[in-house]
PDB file of N, CA and C in Angstrom:
ATOM      1  N   MET A   1      42.755  -4.980  75.846  1.00  0.00           N
ATOM      2  CA  MET A   1      42.478  -3.306  76.422  1.00  0.00           C
ATOM      3  C   MET A   1      42.670  -2.581  74.951  1.00  0.00           C
ATOM      4  N   PHE A   2      41.897  -2.552  74.124  1.00  0.00           N
ATOM      5  CA  PHE A   2      41.935  -1.473  73.292  1.00  0.00           C
ATOM      6  C   PHE A   2      42.382  -0.194  72.622  1.00  0.00           C
ATOM      7  N   TYR A   3      42.311   0.340  74.577  1.00  0.00           N
ATOM      8  CA  TYR A   3      43.039   1.668  74.508  1.00  0.00           C
ATOM      9  C   TYR A   3      44.838   1.938  74.322  1.00  0.00           C
ATOM     10  N   LYS A   4      45.354   0.786  74.771  1.00  0.00           N
ATOM     11  CA  LYS A   4      46.826   0.719  74.173  1.00  0.00           C
ATOM     12  C   LYS A   4      47.359   0.666  73.156  1.00  0.00           C
ATOM     13  N   ASN A   5      45.936   0.245  72.357  1.00  0.00           N
ATOM     14  CA  ASN A   5      46.956   0.537  70.655  1.00  0.00           C
ATOM     15  C   ASN A   5      46.656   2.059  70.149  1.00  0.00           C
ATOM     16  N   LEU A   6      45.520   2.880  70.821  1.00  0.00           N
ATOM     17  CA  LEU A   6      45.550   4.223  70.700  1.00  0.00           C
ATOM     18  C   LEU A   6      46.935   4.858  70.653  1.00  0.00           C
ATOM     19  N   GLU A   7      47.525   5.523  69.633  1.00  0.00           N
ATOM     20  CA  GLU A   7      47.888   6.791  69.609  1.00  0.00           C
ATOM     21  C   GLU A   7      48.443   7.505  70.936  1.00  0.00           C
ATOM     22  N   VAL A   8      46.947   8.075  71.245  1.00  0.00           N
ATOM     23  CA  VAL A   8      47.089   9.291  71.803  1.00  0.00           C
ATOM     24  C   VAL A   8      47.336   8.651  73.247  1.00  0.00           C
ATOM     25  N   TRP A   9      46.782   7.412  73.588  1.00  0.00           N
ATOM     26  CA  TRP A   9      47.510   7.156  74.806  1.00  0.00           C
ATOM     27  C   TRP A   9      48.663   7.029  74.914  1.00  0.00           C
ATOM     28  N   LYS A  10      49.541   6.048  73.946  1.00  0.00           N
ATOM     29  CA  LYS A  10      51.058   5.730  73.643  1.00  0.00           C
ATOM     30  C   LYS A  10      51.730   6.917  74.085  1.00  0.00           C
ATOM     31  N   LYS A  11      51.341   7.782  73.349  1.00  0.00           N
ATOM     32  CA  LYS A  11      52.320   9.372  73.192  1.00  0.00           C
ATOM     33  C   LYS A  11      51.836   9.816  75.111  1.00  0.00           C
ATOM     34  N   SER A  12      50.882  10.162  75.449  1.00  0.00           N
ATOM     35  CA  SER A  12      50.608  10.426  76.654  1.00  0.00           C
ATOM     36  C   SER A  12      51.381   9.761  77.891  1.00  0.00           C
ATOM     37  N   ILE A  13      51.615   8.000  77.649  1.00  0.00           N
ATOM     38  CA  ILE A  13      52.676   7.835  78.547  1.00  0.00           C
ATOM     39  C   ILE A  13      53.698   7.961  78.557  1.00  0.00           C
ATOM     40  N   GLU A  14      54.148   8.399  77.063  1.00  0.00           N
ATOM     41  CA  GLU A  14      55.656   8.827  77.394  1.00  0.00           C
ATOM     42  C   GLU A  14      55.860   9.984  77.664  1.00  0.00           C
ATOM     43  N   PHE A  15      54.730  11.057  77.454  1.00  0.00           N
ATOM     44  CA  PHE A  15      54.818  12.075  77.952  1.00  0.00           C
ATOM     45  C   PHE A  15      55.100  12.338  79.644  1.00  0.00           C
ATOM     46  N   VAL A  16      54.200  11.306  80.397  1.00  0.00           N
ATOM     47  CA  VAL A  16      54.324  11.170  81.754  1.00  0.00           C
ATOM     48  C   VAL A  16      55.617  10.958  82.062  1.00  0.00           C
ATOM     49  N   THR A  17      56.434  10.244  81.168  1.00  0.00           N
ATOM     50  CA  THR A  17      57.652   9.796  81.760  1.00  0.00           C
ATOM     51  C   THR A  17      58.435  10.781  81.482  1.00  0.00           C
ATOM     52  N   GLN A  18      58.595  11.773  80.994  1.00  0.00           N
ATOM     53  CA  GLN A  18      58.987  13.171  80.319  1.00  0.00           C
ATOM     54  C   GLN A  18      59.253  14.092  81.391  1.00  0.00           C
ATOM     55  N   ILE A  19      57.872  14.281  81.845  1.00  0.00           N
ATOM     56  CA  ILE A  19      57.685  15.008  82.946  1.00  0.00           C
ATOM     57  C   ILE A  19      57.867  14.346  84.067  1.00  0.00           C
ATOM     58  N   TYR A  20      58.104  13.182  84.264  1.00  0.00           N
ATOM     59  CA  TYR A  20      58.337  12.915  85.733  1.00  0.00           C
ATOM     60  C   TYR A  20      59.917  12.949  85.714  1.00  0.00           C
ATOM     61  N   LYS A  21      60.444  12.804  84.297  1.00  0.00           N
ATOM     62  CA  LYS A  21      62.627  13.343  84.123  1.00  0.00           C
ATOM     63  C   LYS A  21      62.870  14.707  84.691  1.00  0.00           C
ATOM     64  N   GLU A  22      62.201  15.634  83.911  1.00  0.00           N
ATOM     65  CA  GLU A  22      61.899  16.879  84.073  1.00  0.00           C
ATOM     66  C   GLU A  22      61.532  17.848  85.555  1.00  0.00           C
ATOM     67  N   THR A  23      60.835  16.707  86.104  1.00  0.00           N
ATOM     68  CA  THR A  23      60.663  17.685  87.515  1.00  0.00           C
ATOM     69  C   THR A  23      61.117  16.588  88.628  1.00  0.00           C
ATOM     70  N   GLU A  24      62.508  15.883  88.389  1.00  0.00           N
ATOM     71  CA  GLU A  24      63.552  15.584  89.493  1.00  0.00           C
ATOM     72  C   GLU A  24      64.332  16.589  89.424  1.00  0.00           C
ATOM     73  N   LYS A  25      64.220  17.736  88.886  1.00  0.00           N
ATOM     74  CA  LYS A  25      65.648  18.435  88.469  1.00  0.00           C
ATOM     75  C   LYS A  25      64.640  19.964  89.130  1.00  0.00           C
ATOM     76  N   PHE A  26      63.558  19.829  90.167  1.00  0.00           N
ATOM     77  CA  PHE A  26      62.864  20.632  90.153  1.00  0.00           C
ATOM     78  C   PHE A  26      63.967  20.617  92.170  1.00  0.00           C
ATOM     79  N   PRO A  27      63.346  21.937  92.395  1.00  0.00           N
ATOM     80  CA  PRO A  27      64.119  21.977  94.083  1.00  0.00           C
ATOM     81  C   PRO A  27      63.625  20.864  94.752  1.00  0.00           C
ATOM     82  N   GLN A  28      64.456  20.672  95.973  1.00  0.00           N
ATOM     83  CA  GLN A  28      63.324  19.475  96.765  1.00  0.00           C
ATOM     84  C   GLN A  28      61.815  20.189  97.190  1.00  0.00           C
ATOM     85  N   SER A  29      62.104  21.775  97.712  1.00  0.00           N
ATOM     86  CA  SER A  29      60.994  22.198  98.568  1.00  0.00           C
ATOM     87  C   SER A  29      59.843  21.893  97.915  1.00  0.00           C
ATOM     88  N   GLU A  30      59.829  21.764  96.366  1.00  0.00           N
ATOM     89  CA  GLU A  30      58.569  21.580  95.509  1.00  0.00           C
ATOM     90  C   GLU A  30      57.824  20.315  95.409  1.00  0.00           C
ATOM     91  N   ASN A  31      58.349  19.647  96.295  1.00  0.00           N
ATOM     92  CA  ASN A  31      57.732  18.064  96.114  1.00  0.00           C
ATOM     93  C   ASN A  31      56.829  18.017  96.170  1.00  0.00           C
ATOM     94  N   PHE A  32      55.960  18.437  97.242  1.00  0.00           N
ATOM     95  CA  PHE A  32      54.586  18.867  97.425  1.00  0.00           C
ATOM     96  C   PHE A  32      53.970  20.258  96.770  1.00  0.00           C
ATOM     97  N   GLY A  33      54.653  20.588  96.193  1.00  0.00           N
ATOM     98  CA  GLY A  33      54.050  21.687  95.592  1.00  0.00           C
ATOM     99  C   GLY A  33      54.173  21.455  93.870  1.00  0.00           C
ATOM    100  N   LEU A  34      54.578  22.194  93.040  1.00  0.00           N
ATOM    101  CA  LEU A  34      54.533  22.351  91.556  1.00  0.00           C
ATOM    102  C   LEU A  34      54.678  20.510  91.344  1.00  0.00           C
ATOM    103  N   ILE A  35      55.941  20.148  91.605  1.00  0.00           N
ATOM    104  CA  ILE A  35      55.967  18.558  91.288  1.00  0.00           C
ATOM    105  C   ILE A  35      55.179  17.746  91.516  1.00  0.00           C
ATOM    106  N   SER A  36      54.259  17.329  92.509  1.00  0.00           N
ATOM    107  CA  SER A  36      53.061  17.075  92.633  1.00  0.00           C
ATOM    108  C   SER A  36      52.044  17.437  91.775  1.00  0.00           C
ATOM    109  N   GLN A  37      51.630  18.639  91.800  1.00  0.00           N
ATOM    110  CA  GLN A  37      50.783  18.698  90.537  1.00  0.00           C
ATOM    111  C   GLN A  37      50.751  19.020  89.110  1.00  0.00           C
ATOM    112  N   ILE A  38      52.038  18.845  89.245  1.00  0.00           N
ATOM    113  CA  ILE A  38      52.365  18.482  87.394  1.00  0.00           C
ATOM    114  C   ILE A  38      52.233  16.709  86.770  1.00  0.00           C
ATOM    115  N   ARG A  39      52.890  16.206  88.385  1.00  0.00           N
ATOM    116  CA  ARG A  39      53.049  15.064  87.565  1.00  0.00           C
ATOM    117  C   ARG A  39      51.540  14.209  87.988  1.00  0.00           C
ATOM    118  N   ARG A  40      50.393  14.433  88.488  1.00  0.00           N
ATOM    119  CA  ARG A  40      49.269  14.396  89.105  1.00  0.00           C
ATOM    120  C   ARG A  40      48.693  14.368  87.390  1.00  0.00           C
ATOM    121  N   ALA A  41      48.562  15.687  87.254  1.00  0.00           N
ATOM    122  CA  ALA A  41      47.924  16.166  85.567  1.00  0.00           C
ATOM    123  C   ALA A  41      48.482  15.532  84.683  1.00  0.00           C
ATOM    124  N   ALA A  42      49.703  15.310  84.789  1.00  0.00           N
ATOM    125  CA  ALA A  42      50.262  14.088  83.516  1.00  0.00           C
ATOM    126  C   ALA A  42      50.033  12.978  83.907  1.00  0.00           C
ATOM    127  N   VAL A  43      49.997  12.273  84.608  1.00  0.00           N
ATOM    128  CA  VAL A  43      48.945  11.088  84.751  1.00  0.00           C
ATOM    129  C   VAL A  43      47.568  10.822  84.387  1.00  0.00           C
ATOM    130  N   SER A  44      46.943  12.212  84.648  1.00  0.00           N
ATOM    131  CA  SER A  44      45.700  12.080  84.579  1.00  0.00           C
ATOM    132  C   SER A  44      45.102  11.740  83.204  1.00  0.00           C
ATOM    133  N   ILE A  45      46.126  12.346  81.921  1.00  0.00           N
ATOM    134  CA  ILE A  45      46.239  12.256  81.025  1.00  0.00           C
ATOM    135  C   ILE A  45      45.553  10.850  80.280  1.00  0.00           C
ATOM    136  N   PRO A  46      46.747  10.140  80.150  1.00  0.00           N
ATOM    137  CA  PRO A  46      46.510   8.196  79.501  1.00  0.00           C
ATOM    138  C   PRO A  46      45.457   7.758  80.903  1.00  0.00           C
ATOM    139  N   SER A  47      45.227   8.349  81.996  1.00  0.00           N
ATOM    140  CA  SER A  47      44.949   7.677  82.938  1.00  0.00           C
ATOM    141  C   SER A  47      43.094   7.428  82.312  1.00  0.00           C
ATOM    142  N   ASN A  48      42.572   8.554  82.150  1.00  0.00           N
ATOM    143  CA  ASN A  48      41.169   9.274  81.843  1.00  0.00           C
ATOM    144  C   ASN A  48      40.749   8.996  80.677  1.00  0.00           C
ATOM    145  N   ILE A  49      42.089   8.566  79.382  1.00  0.00           N
ATOM    146  CA  ILE A  49      41.876   7.989  77.907  1.00  0.00           C
ATOM    147  C   ILE A  49      41.675   6.850  78.185  1.00  0.00           C
ATOM    148  N   ALA A  50      42.572   5.836  79.147  1.00  0.00           N
ATOM    149  CA  ALA A  50      42.315   4.481  79.487  1.00  0.00           C
ATOM    150  C   ALA A  50      40.635   4.208  80.021  1.00  0.00           C
ATOM    151  N   GLU A  51      40.545   5.221  81.026  1.00  0.00           N
ATOM    152  CA  GLU A  51      38.828   4.656  82.238  1.00  0.00           C
ATOM    153  C   GLU A  51      37.812   5.016  80.787  1.00  0.00           C
ATOM    154  N   GLY A  52      37.755   6.164  79.867  1.00  0.00           N
ATOM    155  CA  GLY A  52      37.039   6.304  79.085  1.00  0.00           C
ATOM    156  C   GLY A  52      37.160   5.426  78.261  1.00  0.00           C
ATOM    157  N   CYS A  53      37.486   4.909  77.896  1.00  0.00           N
ATOM    158  CA  CYS A  53      37.637   3.906  76.712  1.00  0.00           C
ATOM    159  C   CYS A  53      37.338   2.734  77.057  1.00  0.00           C
ATOM    160  N   ASN A  54      37.406   2.169  78.507  1.00  0.00           N
ATOM    161  CA  ASN A  54      36.764   0.928  79.075  1.00  0.00           C
ATOM    162  C   ASN A  54      35.498   1.231  79.292  1.00  0.00           C
ATOM    163  N   ARG A  55      34.600   2.209  79.510  1.00  0.00           N
ATOM    164  CA  ARG A  55      33.558   2.190  80.018  1.00  0.00           C
ATOM    165  C   ARG A  55      32.506   1.795  78.859  1.00  0.00           C
ATOM    166  N   HIS A  56      33.195   1.658  77.620  1.00  0.00           N
ATOM    167  CA  HIS A  56      32.515   1.098  76.522  1.00  0.00           C
ATOM    168  C   HIS A  56      30.987   1.914  75.805  1.00  0.00           C
ATOM    169  N   SER A  57      31.271   2.956  75.945  1.00  0.00           N
ATOM    170  CA  SER A  57      30.218   4.040  75.958  1.00  0.00           C
ATOM    171  C   SER A  57      30.863   5.412  75.272  1.00  0.00           C
ATOM    172  N   ASP A  58      30.590   5.826  73.977  1.00  0.00           N
ATOM    173  CA  ASP A  58      31.026   6.944  73.325  1.00  0.00           C
ATOM    174  C   ASP A  58      31.057   8.034  74.212  1.00  0.00           C
ATOM    175  N   LYS A  59      29.698   8.220  74.571  1.00  0.00           N
ATOM    176  CA  LYS A  59      29.340   9.513  75.758  1.00  0.00           C
ATOM    177  C   LYS A  59      30.620   9.520  76.630  1.00  0.00           C
ATOM    178  N   ASP A  60      30.763   8.110  77.808  1.00  0.00           N
ATOM    179  CA  ASP A  60      31.414   8.154  78.677  1.00  0.00           C
ATOM    180  C   ASP A  60      32.863   8.421  77.955  1.00  0.00           C
ATOM    181  N   THR A  61      33.072   7.863  76.679  1.00  0.00           N
ATOM    182  CA  THR A  61      34.429   7.915  76.683  1.00  0.00           C
ATOM    183  C   THR A  61      35.091   9.775  76.031  1.00  0.00           C
ATOM    184  N   LEU A  62      34.086   9.943  75.452  1.00  0.00           N
ATOM    185  CA  LEU A  62      33.914  11.702  75.492  1.00  0.00           C
ATOM    186  C   LEU A  62      34.160  12.573  76.781  1.00  0.00           C
ATOM    187  N   ARG A  63      33.240  12.524  77.802  1.00  0.00           N
ATOM    188  CA  ARG A  63      33.687  13.134  79.279  1.00  0.00           C
ATOM    189  C   ARG A  63      35.104  12.866  79.688  1.00  0.00           C
ATOM    190  N   PHE A  64      35.340  11.701  79.678  1.00  0.00           N
ATOM    191  CA  PHE A  64      36.906  11.181  80.216  1.00  0.00           C
ATOM    192  C   PHE A  64      37.921  11.942  79.425  1.00  0.00           C
ATOM    193  N   LEU A  65      37.524  11.890  77.855  1.00  0.00           N
ATOM    194  CA  LEU A  65      38.269  12.396  76.875  1.00  0.00           C
ATOM    195  C   LEU A  65      38.338  14.299  77.292  1.00  0.00           C
ATOM    196  N   ASP A  66      37.237  14.785  77.620  1.00  0.00           N
ATOM    197  CA  ASP A  66      37.032  16.249  77.904  1.00  0.00           C
ATOM    198  C   ASP A  66      38.025  16.451  79.004  1.00  0.00           C
ATOM    199  N   ILE A  67      38.088  15.760  80.382  1.00  0.00           N
ATOM    200  CA  ILE A  67      38.776  15.409  81.553  1.00  0.00           C
ATOM    201  C   ILE A  67      40.320  15.620  81.322  1.00  0.00           C
ATOM    202  N   ALA A  68      40.609  14.594  80.393  1.00  0.00           N
ATOM    203  CA  ALA A  68      42.063  14.825  79.755  1.00  0.00           C
ATOM    204  C   ALA A  68      42.312  16.448  79.432  1.00  0.00           C
ATOM    205  N   MET A  69      41.797  16.907  78.528  1.00  0.00           N
ATOM    206  CA  MET A  69      42.140  17.988  78.196  1.00  0.00           C
ATOM    207  C   MET A  69      41.752  19.068  79.145  1.00  0.00           C
ATOM    208  N   GLY A  70      41.379  19.014  80.233  1.00  0.00           N
ATOM    209  CA  GLY A  70      41.478  19.441  81.641  1.00  0.00           C
ATOM    210  C   GLY A  70      42.888  19.310  81.841  1.00  0.00           C
ATOM    211  N   SER A  71      43.373  18.234  81.987  1.00  0.00           N
ATOM    212  CA  SER A  71      44.581  18.634  82.679  1.00  0.00           C
ATOM    213  C   SER A  71      45.498  18.586  81.803  1.00  0.00           C
ATOM    214  N   ILE A  72      45.669  18.689  80.684  1.00  0.00           N
ATOM    215  CA  ILE A  72      45.955  19.519  80.066  1.00  0.00           C
ATOM    216  C   ILE A  72      46.733  21.426  80.026  1.00  0.00           C
ATOM    217  N   GLY A  73      45.308  21.613  79.935  1.00  0.00           N
ATOM    218  CA  GLY A  73      45.172  23.342  80.321  1.00  0.00           C
ATOM    219  C   GLY A  73      45.806  23.111  81.628  1.00  0.00           C
ATOM    220  N   GLU A  74      45.833  22.076  82.560  1.00  0.00           N
ATOM    221  CA  GLU A  74      46.527  21.788  84.157  1.00  0.00           C
ATOM    222  C   GLU A  74      48.618  22.381  84.106  1.00  0.00           C
ATOM    223  N   ILE A  75      48.910  21.113  83.239  1.00  0.00           N
ATOM    224  CA  ILE A  75      49.816  21.328  82.932  1.00  0.00           C
ATOM    225  C   ILE A  75      50.837  22.859  82.344  1.00  0.00           C
ATOM    226  N   GLU A  76      50.157  22.440  81.075  1.00  0.00           N
ATOM    227  CA  GLU A  76      50.369  23.844  80.551  1.00  0.00           C
ATOM    228  C   GLU A  76      50.589  25.135  81.519  1.00  0.00           C
ATOM    229  N   THR A  77      49.330  25.597  82.398  1.00  0.00           N
ATOM    230  CA  THR A  77      49.870  26.409  82.997  1.00  0.00           C
ATOM    231  C   THR A  77      50.870  25.943  84.135  1.00  0.00           C
ATOM    232  N   GLN A  78      50.910  24.853  84.853  1.00  0.00           N
ATOM    233  CA  GLN A  78      52.154  24.467  85.594  1.00  0.00           C
ATOM    234  C   GLN A  78      53.366  24.987  85.053  1.00  0.00           C
ATOM    235  N   LEU A  79      53.448  24.178  84.162  1.00  0.00           N
ATOM    236  CA  LEU A  79      54.832  24.296  83.276  1.00  0.00           C
ATOM    237  C   LEU A  79      55.294  26.134  83.092  1.00  0.00           C
ATOM    238  N   ILE A  80      54.599  27.074  82.802  1.00  0.00           N
ATOM    239  CA  ILE A  80      54.566  28.036  82.721  1.00  0.00           C
ATOM    240  C   ILE A  80      55.179  28.768  83.789  1.00  0.00           C
ATOM    241  N   ILE A  81      54.593  28.548  84.914  1.00  0.00           N
ATOM    242  CA  ILE A  81      54.939  28.698  86.401  1.00  0.00           C
ATOM    243  C   ILE A  81      56.534  28.192  86.558  1.00  0.00           C
ATOM    244  N   ALA A  82      56.540  27.271  86.547  1.00  0.00           N
ATOM    245  CA  ALA A  82      58.017  26.261  87.118  1.00  0.00           C
ATOM    246  C   ALA A  82      59.115  27.243  86.396  1.00  0.00           C
ATOM    247  N   GLN A  83      58.687  27.608  84.600  1.00  0.00           N
ATOM    248  CA  GLN A  83      59.405  27.975  84.008  1.00  0.00           C
ATOM    249  C   GLN A  83      60.101  29.638  84.233  1.00  0.00           C
ATOM    250  N   ASN A  84      58.736  30.479  84.903  1.00  0.00           N
ATOM    251  CA  ASN A  84      59.195  31.619  85.160  1.00  0.00           C
ATOM    252  C   ASN A  84      59.879  31.822  86.855  1.00  0.00           C
ATOM    253  N   LEU A  85      59.570  30.570  87.460  1.00  0.00           N
ATOM    254  CA  LEU A  85      60.484  30.022  88.217  1.00  0.00           C
ATOM    255  C   LEU A  85      61.992  29.870  88.450  1.00  0.00           C
ATOM    256  N   ASN A  86      62.312  29.648  86.960  1.00  0.00           N
ATOM    257  CA  ASN A  86      63.168  28.679  86.410  1.00  0.00           C
ATOM    258  C   ASN A  86      63.533  27.846  87.267  1.00  0.00           C
ATOM    259  N   PHE A  87      62.720  26.839  87.405  1.00  0.00           N
ATOM    260  CA  PHE A  87      62.742  25.433  87.655  1.00  0.00           C
ATOM    261  C   PHE A  87      62.784  24.704  86.400  1.00  0.00           C
ATOM    262  N   ILE A  88      62.623  25.236  85.161  1.00  0.00           N
ATOM    263  CA  ILE A  88      62.996  24.439  84.219  1.00  0.00           C
ATOM    264  C   ILE A  88      63.690  25.636  83.037  1.00  0.00           C
ATOM    265  N   ASP A  89      64.673  25.271  82.312  1.00  0.00           N
ATOM    266  CA  ASP A  89      64.952  25.936  81.570  1.00  0.00           C
ATOM    267  C   ASP A  89      63.921  26.704  80.050  1.00  0.00           C
ATOM    268  N   SER A  90      63.804  25.259  79.720  1.00  0.00           N
ATOM    269  CA  SER A  90      62.702  25.830  78.556  1.00  0.00           C
ATOM    270  C   SER A  90      61.577  24.504  78.371  1.00  0.00           C
ATOM    271  N   ILE A  91      60.287  24.613  78.043  1.00  0.00           N
ATOM    272  CA  ILE A  91      59.011  24.123  78.500  1.00  0.00           C
ATOM    273  C   ILE A  91      58.956  23.783  76.825  1.00  0.00           C
ATOM    274  N   GLU A  92      59.534  24.626  75.587  1.00  0.00           N
ATOM    275  CA  GLU A  92      59.600  24.516  74.473  1.00  0.00           C
ATOM    276  C   GLU A  92      58.764  22.712  73.910  1.00  0.00           C
ATOM    277  N   ASP A  93      59.502  22.041  74.338  1.00  0.00           N
ATOM    278  CA  ASP A  93      59.599  20.615  73.600  1.00  0.00           C
ATOM    279  C   ASP A  93      58.307  19.868  74.421  1.00  0.00           C
ATOM    280  N   LEU A  94      58.052  19.887  76.079  1.00  0.00           N
ATOM    281  CA  LEU A  94      56.905  19.502  76.707  1.00  0.00           C
ATOM    282  C   LEU A  94      55.597  20.114  75.996  1.00  0.00           C
ATOM    283  N   SER A  95      56.116  21.469  75.660  1.00  0.00           N
ATOM    284  CA  SER A  95      54.650  21.827  75.021  1.00  0.00           C
ATOM    285  C   SER A  95      54.263  21.373  73.733  1.00  0.00           C
ATOM    286  N   ASN A  96      55.327  21.244  72.747  1.00  0.00           N
ATOM    287  CA  ASN A  96      54.934  20.568  71.772  1.00  0.00           C
ATOM    288  C   ASN A  96      54.523  19.385  71.740  1.00  0.00           C
ATOM    289  N   ASN A  97      55.093  18.430  72.500  1.00  0.00           N
ATOM    290  CA  ASN A  97      54.075  17.443  72.798  1.00  0.00           C
ATOM    291  C   ASN A  97      53.237  17.563  73.278  1.00  0.00           C
ATOM    292  N   ILE A  98      52.554  17.842  74.186  1.00  0.00           N
ATOM    293  CA  ILE A  98      51.525  18.424  75.119  1.00  0.00           C
ATOM    294  C   ILE A  98      50.392  18.510  73.493  1.00  0.00           C
ATOM    295  N   GLN A  99      50.675  19.510  72.924  1.00  0.00           N
ATOM    296  CA  GLN A  99      49.777  20.145  71.900  1.00  0.00           C
ATOM    297  C   GLN A  99      49.901  19.180  70.859  1.00  0.00           C
ATOM    298  N   ASN A 100      50.516  18.302  70.486  1.00  0.00           N
ATOM    299  CA  ASN A 100      50.279  16.904  69.769  1.00  0.00           C
ATOM    300  C   ASN A 100      49.383  16.499  70.694  1.00  0.00           C
ATOM    301  N   ILE A 101      49.785  15.987  71.858  1.00  0.00           N
ATOM    302  CA  ILE A 101      48.609  15.047  72.530  1.00  0.00           C
ATOM    303  C   ILE A 101      47.170  15.597  72.596  1.00  0.00           C
ATOM    304  N   SER A 102      47.162  17.173  73.004  1.00  0.00           N
ATOM    305  CA  SER A 102      46.121  17.607  72.543  1.00  0.00           C
ATOM    306  C   SER A 102      45.188  17.751  70.914  1.00  0.00           C
ATOM    307  N   ALA A 103      45.938  17.739  70.369  1.00  0.00           N
ATOM    308  CA  ALA A 103      45.657  17.641  68.539  1.00  0.00           C
ATOM    309  C   ALA A 103      44.769  15.956  68.908  1.00  0.00           C
ATOM    310  N   MET A 104      45.542  15.440  69.071  1.00  0.00           N
ATOM    311  CA  MET A 104      44.734  13.759  68.656  1.00  0.00           C
ATOM    312  C   MET A 104      44.055  13.589  69.526  1.00  0.00           C
ATOM    313  N   ILE A 105      44.097  14.164  70.963  1.00  0.00           N
ATOM    314  CA  ILE A 105      42.653  14.155  71.529  1.00  0.00           C
ATOM    315  C   ILE A 105      41.474  14.634  70.892  1.00  0.00           C
ATOM    316  N   VAL A 106      41.511  15.569  70.146  1.00  0.00           N
ATOM    317  CA  VAL A 106      40.295  16.165  69.616  1.00  0.00           C
ATOM    318  C   VAL A 106      39.833  15.820  68.348  1.00  0.00           C
ATOM    319  N   GLY A 107      40.962  14.735  67.480  1.00  0.00           N
ATOM    320  CA  GLY A 107      40.754  13.950  66.796  1.00  0.00           C
ATOM    321  C   GLY A 107      39.732  12.980  67.145  1.00  0.00           C
ATOM    322  N   LEU A 108      39.811  12.059  68.396  1.00  0.00           N
ATOM    323  CA  LEU A 108      39.227  11.057  68.803  1.00  0.00           C
ATOM    324  C   LEU A 108      37.830  11.573  68.816  1.00  0.00           C
ATOM    325  N   LYS A 109      38.013  12.891  69.426  1.00  0.00           N
ATOM    326  CA  LYS A 109      36.670  12.845  70.240  1.00  0.00           C
ATOM    327  C   LYS A 109      35.881  13.475  68.820  1.00  0.00           C
ATOM    328  N   SER A 110      36.341  13.931  67.749  1.00  0.00           N
ATOM    329  CA  SER A 110      35.914  14.238  66.569  1.00  0.00           C
ATOM    330  C   SER A 110      34.998  12.795  65.898  1.00  0.00           C
ATOM    331  N   PHE A 111      36.236  11.650  65.970  1.00  0.00           N
ATOM    332  CA  PHE A 111      35.731  10.730  65.231  1.00  0.00           C
ATOM    333  C   PHE A 111      34.674   9.956  66.527  1.00  0.00           C
ATOM    334  N   LEU A 112      34.810  10.519  67.270  1.00  0.00           N
ATOM    335  CA  LEU A 112      33.412   9.684  68.575  1.00  0.00           C
ATOM    336  C   LEU A 112      32.339  10.494  68.152  1.00  0.00           C
ATOM    337  N   ASN A 113      32.490  11.556  67.764  1.00  0.00           N
ATOM    338  CA  ASN A 113      31.300  12.294  67.438  1.00  0.00           C
ATOM    339  C   ASN A 113      30.419  12.401  66.491  1.00  0.00           C
ATOM    340  N   ASN A 114      31.581  11.827  65.405  1.00  0.00           N
ATOM    341  CA  ASN A 114      31.048  11.398  64.156  1.00  0.00           C
ATOM    342  C   ASN A 114      30.507  10.254  63.749  1.00  0.00           C
ATOM    343  N   LYS A 115      30.322   9.477  64.610  1.00  0.00           N
ATOM    344  CA  LYS A 115      30.036   7.520  64.810  1.00  0.00           C
ATOM    345  C   LYS A 115      28.931   7.289  63.678  1.00  0.00           C
TER     346      LYS A 115
END
C-alpha cells in the first residue's frame, strides 16, 4: 500500500497518537463528549488519506483528501473548546502539527490536480 510511504500519512498517524495521549488527561465525564469527537476526527485524517489512495483514482483521492481537511477543521475547533474549558493547557504543539499536516494535504492535492 503506497499510502504508507506518504509523509503526510505518517505524520497524521503520529498526530493520532499524540491526540490519544492528550485526551487521556481530560475529565472522565468527557468520554462520550469531546474525547470521542476529537479522537474520531483525528483517526479520520490518516484513514481518509489511506482510503482515497486505495481508490486508485485521482478524483476519488482528492475527494477523500477534502474529507481529511474537514476533519482538521473539526479538530482545530474542538481543541479550542477543550482549551477554553481548561481540559488542556496549551494547544500550540497540536496546532502546529495539524497545520503541517494540512499543508502537506494541500501540497498532495496540488500535485494530483497538476498531473
